[in-house]
Protein backbone atom coordinates (compact mmCIF):
# COMPACT_ATOMS: atom_id res chain seq x y z
CA MET A 1 0.24 72.14 2.93
CA LYS A 2 -0.27 68.81 1.20
CA THR A 3 1.87 68.16 -1.88
CA ARG A 4 0.65 66.21 -4.88
CA PRO A 5 2.43 62.97 -5.77
CA ILE A 6 5.12 63.13 -8.43
CA LEU A 7 3.85 62.27 -11.90
CA PRO A 8 5.90 60.68 -14.67
CA PRO A 9 7.02 62.96 -17.51
CA VAL A 10 4.51 63.21 -20.34
CA THR A 11 7.02 61.58 -22.70
CA GLU A 12 7.01 58.40 -20.58
CA LEU A 13 3.25 57.86 -20.63
CA THR A 14 1.74 55.01 -22.60
CA LYS A 15 -0.92 55.94 -25.16
CA ARG A 16 -3.65 54.65 -22.82
CA GLN A 17 -2.31 56.76 -19.91
CA HIS A 18 -1.99 59.79 -22.18
CA ASP A 19 -5.56 59.36 -23.44
CA GLY A 20 -6.98 58.92 -19.90
CA TRP A 21 -7.86 55.23 -20.29
CA ALA A 22 -5.26 53.83 -17.86
CA CYS A 23 -4.00 54.71 -14.38
CA VAL A 24 -0.95 56.93 -14.47
CA TRP A 25 0.81 54.75 -11.85
CA CYS A 26 -0.33 51.13 -12.15
CA TYR A 27 -1.57 51.06 -15.79
CA ALA A 28 -4.93 49.57 -14.70
CA PRO A 29 -7.82 50.28 -17.09
CA LEU A 30 -9.93 53.18 -15.82
CA ARG A 31 -13.65 52.57 -15.67
CA HIS A 32 -15.50 54.03 -12.68
CA GLY A 33 -14.13 56.25 -9.95
CA ALA A 34 -11.05 57.57 -11.73
CA VAL A 35 -9.50 60.55 -9.94
CA SER A 36 -7.57 63.40 -11.53
CA ALA A 37 -3.90 63.01 -10.60
CA GLY A 38 -2.83 66.33 -12.12
CA ARG A 39 -0.95 67.28 -15.25
CA ALA A 40 2.02 65.31 -16.53
CA GLU A 41 4.49 67.75 -18.06
CA GLY A 42 7.50 67.60 -20.31
CA LEU A 43 8.98 68.75 -23.58
CA ILE A 44 8.28 67.52 -27.08
CA GLY A 45 11.40 68.76 -28.84
CA SER A 46 11.70 72.27 -27.45
CA THR A 47 7.94 72.77 -27.00
CA PRO A 48 6.43 72.52 -23.49
CA TYR A 49 3.66 69.94 -23.38
CA SER A 50 1.30 68.76 -20.63
CA VAL A 51 -1.71 66.48 -20.37
CA GLU A 52 -4.26 65.74 -17.64
CA VAL A 53 -3.71 62.25 -16.20
CA TYR A 54 -5.88 60.06 -13.99
CA ALA A 55 -5.45 57.48 -11.23
CA CYS A 56 -7.49 54.41 -10.37
CA PRO A 57 -9.31 54.56 -7.00
CA ALA A 58 -6.69 52.34 -5.28
CA CYS A 59 -3.69 54.42 -6.41
CA ALA A 60 -5.54 57.65 -5.67
CA ALA A 61 -6.29 56.50 -2.11
CA ALA A 62 -2.71 55.30 -1.56
CA ARG A 63 -1.43 58.74 -2.59
CA GLY A 64 -4.03 60.76 -0.72
CA LEU A 65 -5.88 62.07 -3.77
CA GLY A 66 -9.60 62.70 -4.17
C-alpha cells in the first residue's frame, strides 16, 4: 500500500498555502495542474482543525501524487 507524503501541520502553513494558492511544499504559486496533497491537520487551541492543501505538478510528481 502506498503512503501519502507527510504534510506540515496546519498551524505552519502560510496564508497562501492555507487558501490553496501556493504549493504546500515549495510555496510556488498554483495556477494550472495543482494536485490535492491531502489534509493538513493540527490544533487551534484545543480545537482540531484541518484544511485541504495542494501541490504544484513538480512536487506532486516527486512525491508520487496524482
